[in-house]
Amino acid sequence: MTTVQRAVQIVAGSLLAAASYSGVAQQGNQASQDKVVRLNQIQVIGSHNSYHAGFAPSERRYLEMKNPKALRGLDYHHAPLADQLSSGVRQIEIDIFADSKGGRFAHPMIDRWVTDAGLPADPDFDPQHEMDKPGFKVMHVQDFDERSTCLTFVACLTQVRNWSRQHPGHLPIFILVETKEGEVKELPNAPKTEPFTSAVFDALDAEIRSVFRPEEIITPDEVRGRHKTLIDAVRAGGWPTLARARGRVIFLMDQKKAGPIYTEGHPSLRGRILFTNAEPGATDAAFVEQNDGTPEAIDALVRQGYLVRTRSDEPTEQARNNDTRRRDEVLSSGAQMISTDYPKSEPASWTGYSVSLPGGVVARCNPVTSSSGCVDDLLEPAR
């Protein structure tokens, strides 16, 4: 070995050792930080209607002819859930319809409208006939906007769990669940929805438990601990540290009106899985939506210990016009979850509008609740 070769070898070895030391040091620093930073002291980007696959070609053409206004508001789509998680999304939203017998939503009318209009038939939205089986279904609007990257709730959750198992140590994934029921006045002949009763919510909890193990879910019981009510625990700083929360999921309920039904027989959410979108100050209050809230209103709730989800754009207008005012406003707030139709991996085709945290990090230390010593880069590496 020549002198030059030996020198190169020594330098390369030194660099490798330094890189290894840096990696070990970062892991150690992250472990130390994880012991003090809590779940409500971070901020992440989420996707709105995360399952939404958009319209097929003939469906799109039909809407362009018959209802361009509706198409304008729904003209977005997302990658499969695992791809979104890999790109850095840490809050997803899933809309569910009860379908206890199966088949209720298996034949959407939009297929007939397309063929009646003389347009070519689109690819079958359910080639595996998943919609024929009993269980909660995932879609946006029955009969009209049913295409999803995962047609059943169990399928969606399975995708999330598989990703989670493949990426141990990830920050907790917030799963927002919107319960869909009631008539759509523009679609009087659409299938009638099943109401979400206490028994239906029991079935919902059971579906979640069929996919995730108990230790993989952050539950109201865990957060409440020895406190009498959930709100008492939240006010006392009862959210788990990241040391306990990594690699897990937490379920949040979107529809505020469903909360009283979900809590029937479960005071302060005892034995339940989802955190309700509760009225601040209620015994079950731990999570509050502020989709249109001002930074001042959001920050006031965050300082009280609540988890808060807000939205940066709705429906597609900000993205079409590259209007960043609402986006920048909520990014200045302490909302733990900022939801968008356009995360950085899925920018708007019209203008390139997207939503991401400063520096492109997956998560950052919460601007309102985190301590001054919290380091963004130790939360999760940029993707």
Protein backbone atom coordinates (compact mmCIF):
# COMPACT_ATOMS: atom_id res chain seq x y z
CA MET A 1 0.00 0.00 0.00
CA THR A 2 1.41 3.36 -0.99
CA THR A 3 1.65 6.32 1.35
CA VAL A 4 -1.15 8.07 -0.56
CA GLN A 5 -3.41 5.00 -0.35
CA ARG A 6 -2.78 4.69 3.39
CA ALA A 7 -3.58 8.37 3.89
CA VAL A 8 -6.85 8.00 1.97
CA GLN A 9 -7.74 4.93 4.05
CA ILE A 10 -7.08 6.78 7.30
CA VAL A 11 -9.19 9.76 6.23
CA ALA A 12 -12.03 7.52 5.06
CA GLY A 13 -11.94 5.60 8.32
CA SER A 14 -12.02 8.81 10.32
CA LEU A 15 -15.01 10.09 8.38
CA LEU A 16 -16.88 6.80 8.85
CA ALA A 17 -16.15 6.82 12.56
CA ALA A 18 -17.32 10.41 12.84
CA ALA A 19 -20.51 9.63 10.96
CA SER A 20 -21.17 6.61 13.18
CA TYR A 21 -20.55 8.67 16.31
CA SER A 22 -22.86 11.39 15.00
CA GLY A 23 -25.61 8.83 14.36
CA VAL A 24 -25.23 7.31 17.83
CA ALA A 25 -25.15 10.76 19.40
CA GLN A 26 -28.30 11.78 17.55
CA GLN A 27 -30.07 8.62 18.67
CA GLY A 28 -29.03 9.33 22.24
CA ASN A 29 -30.17 12.95 22.02
CA GLN A 30 -33.49 11.86 20.52
CA ALA A 31 -34.03 9.37 23.32
CA SER A 32 -33.35 12.08 25.89
CA GLN A 33 -35.68 14.53 24.16
CA ASP A 34 -38.39 11.89 23.81
CA LYS A 35 -38.54 11.55 27.57
CA VAL A 36 -39.68 15.15 28.03
CA VAL A 37 -41.52 16.13 24.82
CA ARG A 38 -45.16 15.09 24.87
CA LEU A 39 -47.62 14.20 22.16
CA ASN A 40 -49.29 17.62 22.28
CA GLN A 41 -45.97 19.43 21.97
CA ILE A 42 -45.33 18.72 18.29
CA GLN A 43 -46.86 19.90 15.02
CA VAL A 44 -47.41 17.80 11.89
CA ILE A 45 -48.98 18.06 8.44
CA GLY A 46 -52.07 16.01 7.65
CA SER A 47 -54.04 15.20 4.52
CA HIS A 48 -57.76 15.88 4.11
CA ASN A 49 -59.92 12.97 2.90
CA SER A 50 -56.73 10.95 2.68
CA TYR A 51 -58.38 7.98 0.90
CA HIS A 52 -59.74 10.12 -1.97
CA ALA A 53 -58.79 8.66 -5.36
CA GLY A 54 -60.51 11.29 -7.50
CA PHE A 55 -62.75 10.71 -10.49
CA ALA A 56 -62.23 8.23 -13.33
CA PRO A 57 -61.92 9.68 -16.87
CA SER A 58 -65.54 9.32 -17.97
CA GLU A 59 -66.82 10.39 -14.56
CA ARG A 60 -64.74 13.52 -14.89
CA ARG A 61 -66.02 14.16 -18.41
CA TYR A 62 -69.61 13.68 -17.24
CA LEU A 63 -69.17 16.18 -14.40
CA GLU A 64 -67.51 18.68 -16.72
CA MET A 65 -70.69 18.56 -18.81
CA LYS A 66 -73.30 18.32 -16.07
CA ASN A 67 -71.91 19.81 -12.87
CA PRO A 68 -68.58 21.62 -13.28
CA LYS A 69 -69.08 23.41 -9.96
CA ALA A 70 -69.13 20.12 -8.06
CA LEU A 71 -66.07 18.90 -9.94
CA ARG A 72 -64.20 22.10 -9.14
CA GLY A 73 -64.60 21.57 -5.40
CA LEU A 74 -63.68 17.88 -5.51
CA ASP A 75 -60.84 17.99 -8.01
CA TYR A 76 -58.08 16.54 -5.87
CA HIS A 77 -56.75 13.07 -5.16
CA HIS A 78 -54.22 11.42 -2.92
CA ALA A 79 -51.62 8.69 -3.19
CA PRO A 80 -52.19 5.47 -1.22
CA LEU A 81 -51.94 5.93 2.52
CA ALA A 82 -48.55 4.22 2.83
CA ASP A 83 -47.07 6.55 0.22
CA GLN A 84 -48.40 9.58 2.07
CA LEU A 85 -46.88 8.36 5.32
CA SER A 86 -43.56 7.74 3.59
CA SER A 87 -43.61 11.31 2.27
CA GLY A 88 -44.04 12.72 5.78
CA VAL A 89 -47.80 13.02 6.36
CA ARG A 90 -48.55 12.15 9.98
CA GLN A 91 -52.28 12.83 10.18
CA ILE A 92 -54.77 11.14 7.88
CA GLU A 93 -58.54 11.42 7.59
CA ILE A 94 -60.88 8.54 6.74
CA ASP A 95 -64.61 8.95 6.06
CA ILE A 96 -66.67 5.89 7.00
CA PHE A 97 -70.19 4.66 6.28
CA ALA A 98 -71.82 1.90 8.31
CA ASP A 99 -72.77 -1.11 6.17
CA SER A 100 -73.65 -3.92 8.56
CA LYS A 101 -75.01 -6.30 5.91
CA GLY A 102 -72.80 -5.33 2.99
CA GLY A 103 -73.71 -4.27 -0.54
CA ARG A 104 -75.40 -1.00 0.39
CA PHE A 105 -72.96 1.08 -1.67
CA ALA A 106 -71.79 -1.53 -4.18
CA HIS A 107 -73.43 -0.04 -7.29
CA PRO A 108 -72.95 3.75 -7.47
CA MET A 109 -75.36 5.59 -9.75
CA ILE A 110 -72.59 7.61 -11.35
CA ASP A 111 -71.68 4.48 -13.36
CA ARG A 112 -75.15 4.51 -14.93
CA TRP A 113 -75.05 8.26 -15.52
CA VAL A 114 -71.80 7.85 -17.42
CA THR A 115 -73.09 5.11 -19.73
CA ASP A 116 -76.47 6.83 -20.20
CA ALA A 117 -74.55 9.89 -21.41
CA GLY A 118 -72.90 7.76 -24.08
CA LEU A 119 -69.46 7.87 -22.47
CA PRO A 120 -67.13 4.86 -22.27
CA ALA A 121 -67.46 2.79 -19.12
CA ASP A 122 -64.79 3.52 -16.53
CA PRO A 123 -62.69 0.81 -14.85
CA ASP A 124 -64.62 -1.05 -12.16
CA PHE A 125 -64.15 0.85 -8.91
CA ASP A 126 -64.46 -2.40 -6.90
CA PRO A 127 -63.01 -5.31 -8.91
CA GLN A 128 -62.57 -7.45 -5.77
CA HIS A 129 -66.19 -6.89 -4.65
CA GLU A 130 -65.12 -5.55 -1.27
CA MET A 131 -68.23 -3.40 -1.12
CA ASP A 132 -70.43 -6.53 -1.02
CA LYS A 133 -69.04 -7.60 2.34
CA PRO A 134 -70.31 -6.38 5.72
CA GLY A 135 -68.27 -3.71 7.46
CA PHE A 136 -67.53 0.01 7.38
CA LYS A 137 -66.96 1.45 3.91
CA VAL A 138 -64.73 4.35 2.95
CA MET A 139 -65.85 6.99 0.44
CA HIS A 140 -66.72 10.65 0.18
CA VAL A 141 -70.30 10.73 -1.15
CA GLN A 142 -72.45 7.66 -1.77
CA ASP A 143 -73.56 7.09 -5.38
CA PHE A 144 -71.39 9.96 -6.59
CA ASP A 145 -67.82 10.14 -5.24
CA GLU A 146 -67.00 6.60 -4.15
CA ARG A 147 -63.53 5.91 -5.54
CA SER A 148 -61.05 5.31 -2.75
CA THR A 149 -57.52 3.98 -2.48
CA CYS A 150 -58.91 1.67 0.23
CA LEU A 151 -62.61 0.86 0.02
CA THR A 152 -63.07 -0.56 3.51
CA PHE A 153 -62.07 0.80 6.89
CA VAL A 154 -60.21 -2.40 7.70
CA ALA A 155 -58.26 -2.15 4.43
CA CYS A 156 -57.25 1.44 5.19
CA LEU A 157 -56.16 0.59 8.72
CA THR A 158 -54.24 -2.45 7.51
CA GLN A 159 -52.26 -0.26 5.13
CA VAL A 160 -51.39 2.07 8.01
CA ARG A 161 -50.40 -0.76 10.34
CA ASN A 162 -48.25 -2.44 7.70
CA TRP A 163 -46.41 0.84 7.12
CA SER A 164 -46.03 1.36 10.85
CA ARG A 165 -44.51 -2.09 11.32
CA GLN A 166 -42.06 -1.37 8.52
CA HIS A 167 -41.03 1.97 10.06
CA PRO A 168 -40.59 1.37 13.80
CA GLY A 169 -39.98 4.45 15.86
CA HIS A 170 -42.06 6.79 13.71
CA LEU A 171 -43.88 9.65 15.35
CA PRO A 172 -47.46 8.79 16.32
CA ILE A 173 -49.93 8.77 13.44
CA PHE A 174 -53.12 10.76 14.03
CA ILE A 175 -56.10 9.03 12.38
CA LEU A 176 -59.13 11.28 12.06
CA VAL A 177 -62.38 9.36 11.53
CA GLU A 178 -65.43 11.09 10.05
CA THR A 179 -68.71 9.24 10.50
CA LYS A 180 -70.93 9.82 7.47
CA GLU A 181 -74.71 9.51 7.66
CA GLY A 182 -77.82 11.31 6.49
CA GLU A 183 -79.24 12.19 3.10
CA VAL A 184 -77.59 14.16 0.33
CA LYS A 185 -80.29 16.53 -0.89
CA GLU A 186 -78.79 16.68 -4.39
CA LEU A 187 -79.01 12.87 -4.60
CA PRO A 188 -82.51 11.94 -3.38
CA ASN A 189 -82.27 8.40 -4.75
CA ALA A 190 -78.90 7.59 -3.19
CA PRO A 191 -78.72 4.65 -0.76
CA LYS A 192 -79.94 5.51 2.71
CA THR A 193 -77.20 5.50 5.30
CA GLU A 194 -77.23 3.57 8.56
CA PRO A 195 -77.26 5.78 11.65
CA PHE A 196 -74.32 5.64 14.03
CA THR A 197 -75.84 4.24 17.21
CA SER A 198 -73.96 3.17 20.32
CA ALA A 199 -74.02 -0.42 19.02
CA VAL A 200 -72.62 0.68 15.65
CA PHE A 201 -69.83 2.47 17.48
CA ASP A 202 -69.13 -0.76 19.37
CA ALA A 203 -68.67 -2.40 15.97
CA LEU A 204 -66.38 0.44 14.90
CA ASP A 205 -64.14 -0.04 17.94
CA ALA A 206 -64.13 -3.77 17.22
CA GLU A 207 -62.93 -3.21 13.64
CA ILE A 208 -60.07 -1.06 14.90
CA ARG A 209 -59.11 -3.74 17.44
CA SER A 210 -59.18 -6.36 14.68
CA VAL A 211 -56.26 -4.56 13.00
CA PHE A 212 -54.23 -2.91 15.78
CA ARG A 213 -53.03 -4.52 18.97
CA PRO A 214 -53.94 -2.72 22.21
CA GLU A 215 -50.36 -1.57 22.83
CA GLU A 216 -50.27 0.05 19.36
CA ILE A 217 -53.10 2.48 20.15
CA ILE A 218 -52.98 5.57 22.36
CA THR A 219 -56.39 5.46 24.05
CA PRO A 220 -58.41 7.81 26.25
CA ASP A 221 -57.94 5.36 29.14
CA GLU A 222 -54.17 5.68 28.85
CA VAL A 223 -54.26 9.48 28.78
CA ARG A 224 -56.77 9.71 31.63
CA GLY A 225 -54.67 7.43 33.86
CA ARG A 226 -55.66 7.88 37.48
CA HIS A 227 -57.53 11.11 36.90
CA LYS A 228 -61.30 11.13 37.34
CA THR A 229 -62.01 12.64 33.92
CA LEU A 230 -60.19 13.07 30.65
CA ILE A 231 -60.28 16.85 30.88
CA ASP A 232 -58.59 16.64 34.30
CA ALA A 233 -55.78 14.58 32.77
CA VAL A 234 -55.34 16.94 29.84
CA ARG A 235 -55.11 19.96 32.10
CA ALA A 236 -52.54 18.13 34.20
CA GLY A 237 -50.33 17.36 31.20
CA GLY A 238 -51.41 13.75 30.81
CA TRP A 239 -50.50 13.24 27.15
CA PRO A 240 -47.82 10.56 26.77
CA THR A 241 -44.24 11.47 26.03
CA LEU A 242 -42.81 10.64 22.63
CA ALA A 243 -40.82 7.90 24.34
CA ARG A 244 -44.16 6.15 24.92
CA ALA A 245 -45.95 7.35 21.78
CA ARG A 246 -43.52 6.43 18.99
CA GLY A 247 -44.62 3.69 16.63
CA ARG A 248 -48.27 4.02 17.66
CA VAL A 249 -51.54 5.48 16.37
CA ILE A 250 -54.20 7.67 17.95
CA PHE A 251 -57.81 7.86 16.72
CA LEU A 252 -59.78 11.11 16.71
CA MET A 253 -63.48 11.64 15.91
CA ASP A 254 -64.34 14.34 13.38
CA GLN A 255 -68.09 14.73 13.84
CA LYS A 256 -68.90 16.64 17.01
CA LYS A 257 -72.56 15.59 16.91
CA ALA A 258 -71.57 11.93 17.22
CA GLY A 259 -69.72 12.48 20.49
CA PRO A 260 -72.68 12.12 22.88
CA ILE A 261 -73.67 8.83 21.23
CA TYR A 262 -70.12 7.48 21.38
CA THR A 263 -69.82 8.32 25.09
CA GLU A 264 -73.13 6.63 26.06
CA GLY A 265 -72.23 4.15 28.79
CA HIS A 266 -68.61 5.26 28.55
CA PRO A 267 -68.23 8.31 30.79
CA SER A 268 -65.09 10.27 29.99
CA LEU A 269 -64.55 7.74 27.15
CA ARG A 270 -63.81 4.81 29.46
CA GLY A 271 -63.21 1.73 27.33
CA ARG A 272 -63.47 3.64 24.05
CA ILE A 273 -60.77 4.06 21.39
CA LEU A 274 -61.49 7.39 19.71
CA PHE A 275 -61.07 10.80 21.28
CA THR A 276 -64.23 12.79 20.62
CA ASN A 277 -64.30 16.22 19.00
CA ALA A 278 -65.56 17.60 22.27
CA GLU A 279 -66.76 20.87 23.64
CA PRO A 280 -63.88 22.47 25.57
CA GLY A 281 -64.37 21.89 29.27
CA ALA A 282 -66.51 18.75 28.89
CA THR A 283 -65.43 15.66 30.82
CA ASP A 284 -64.41 13.90 27.57
CA ALA A 285 -62.59 16.93 26.16
CA ALA A 286 -59.07 16.26 24.91
CA PHE A 287 -59.34 16.93 21.17
CA VAL A 288 -60.97 19.95 19.50
CA GLU A 289 -61.33 20.81 15.82
CA GLN A 290 -60.78 24.41 14.75
CA ASN A 291 -60.94 24.05 10.98
CA ASP A 292 -61.67 27.74 10.47
CA GLY A 293 -60.31 28.98 13.77
CA THR A 294 -58.06 31.99 14.14
CA PRO A 295 -54.51 31.49 15.45
CA GLU A 296 -55.61 33.22 18.65
CA ALA A 297 -58.49 30.79 19.20
CA ILE A 298 -56.32 27.79 18.32
CA ASP A 299 -53.47 28.86 20.58
CA ALA A 300 -55.81 29.44 23.52
CA LEU A 301 -56.99 25.82 23.27
CA VAL A 302 -53.49 24.45 22.75
CA ARG A 303 -52.27 26.21 25.89
CA GLN A 304 -55.00 24.42 27.85
CA GLY A 305 -53.59 21.06 26.76
CA TYR A 306 -55.96 20.16 23.93
CA LEU A 307 -54.99 18.53 20.69
CA VAL A 308 -56.20 20.79 17.86
CA ARG A 309 -56.69 20.06 14.17
CA THR A 310 -57.17 22.86 11.66
CA ARG A 311 -57.28 23.18 7.87
CA SER A 312 -55.10 25.27 5.59
CA ASP A 313 -57.26 25.15 2.43
CA GLU A 314 -60.83 24.32 1.44
CA PRO A 315 -62.05 23.16 -1.00
CA THR A 316 -59.65 23.88 -3.90
CA GLU A 317 -59.78 27.65 -4.25
CA GLN A 318 -56.60 28.54 -2.36
CA ALA A 319 -54.68 26.01 -4.42
CA ARG A 320 -56.08 27.28 -7.74
CA ASN A 321 -55.15 30.85 -6.91
CA ASN A 322 -51.98 30.12 -4.92
CA ASP A 323 -53.59 31.97 -2.02
CA THR A 324 -51.29 31.24 0.90
CA ARG A 325 -52.89 33.52 3.47
CA ARG A 326 -54.75 30.82 5.40
CA ARG A 327 -51.83 28.42 5.08
CA ASP A 328 -49.38 30.91 6.53
CA GLU A 329 -51.83 31.88 9.24
CA VAL A 330 -52.28 28.35 10.58
CA LEU A 331 -48.58 27.58 10.26
CA SER A 332 -48.02 30.39 12.74
CA SER A 333 -50.41 28.74 15.21
CA GLY A 334 -49.90 25.93 17.69
CA ALA A 335 -52.36 23.53 16.07
CA GLN A 336 -50.81 20.09 16.36
CA MET A 337 -52.37 18.96 13.05
CA ILE A 338 -52.58 21.14 9.93
CA SER A 339 -54.65 19.37 7.30
CA THR A 340 -54.47 20.04 3.55
CA ASP A 341 -55.44 18.56 0.20
CA TYR A 342 -51.93 19.42 -0.99
CA PRO A 343 -49.07 18.15 1.19
CA LYS A 344 -45.62 18.86 -0.21
CA SER A 345 -45.48 15.54 -2.10
CA GLU A 346 -48.79 16.36 -3.85
CA PRO A 347 -48.65 20.01 -4.96
CA ALA A 348 -51.60 21.53 -6.81
CA SER A 349 -51.30 21.04 -10.57
CA TRP A 350 -52.54 24.56 -11.29
CA THR A 351 -50.08 26.61 -9.26
CA GLY A 352 -47.75 24.32 -7.33
CA TYR A 353 -49.44 25.32 -4.06
CA SER A 354 -48.55 22.96 -1.22
CA VAL A 355 -48.31 22.88 2.55
CA SER A 356 -45.24 21.88 4.53
CA LEU A 357 -43.46 22.80 7.72
CA PRO A 358 -40.49 25.18 7.65
CA GLY A 359 -37.36 23.40 6.50
CA GLY A 360 -39.37 20.50 5.08
CA VAL A 361 -39.28 18.56 8.37
CA VAL A 362 -41.79 15.80 9.07
CA ALA A 363 -42.64 17.44 12.39
CA ARG A 364 -41.52 20.42 14.38
CA CYS A 365 -41.53 21.40 18.01
CA ASN A 366 -44.87 23.05 18.67
CA PRO A 367 -44.52 26.84 18.42
CA VAL A 368 -46.83 27.33 21.42
CA THR A 369 -46.33 24.44 23.82
CA SER A 370 -42.83 23.03 23.31
CA SER A 371 -39.89 23.95 25.51
CA SER A 372 -37.08 26.12 24.20
CA GLY A 373 -34.72 23.15 24.21
CA CYS A 374 -36.78 21.07 21.77
CA VAL A 375 -34.94 20.32 18.50
CA ASP A 376 -36.98 19.74 15.32
CA ASP A 377 -34.42 17.45 13.70
CA LEU A 378 -34.61 15.05 16.63
CA LEU A 379 -38.34 14.47 16.15
CA GLU A 380 -38.11 12.66 12.82
CA PRO A 381 -35.63 12.97 9.94
CA ALA A 382 -36.75 15.02 6.92
CA ARG A 383 -38.08 12.96 4.00
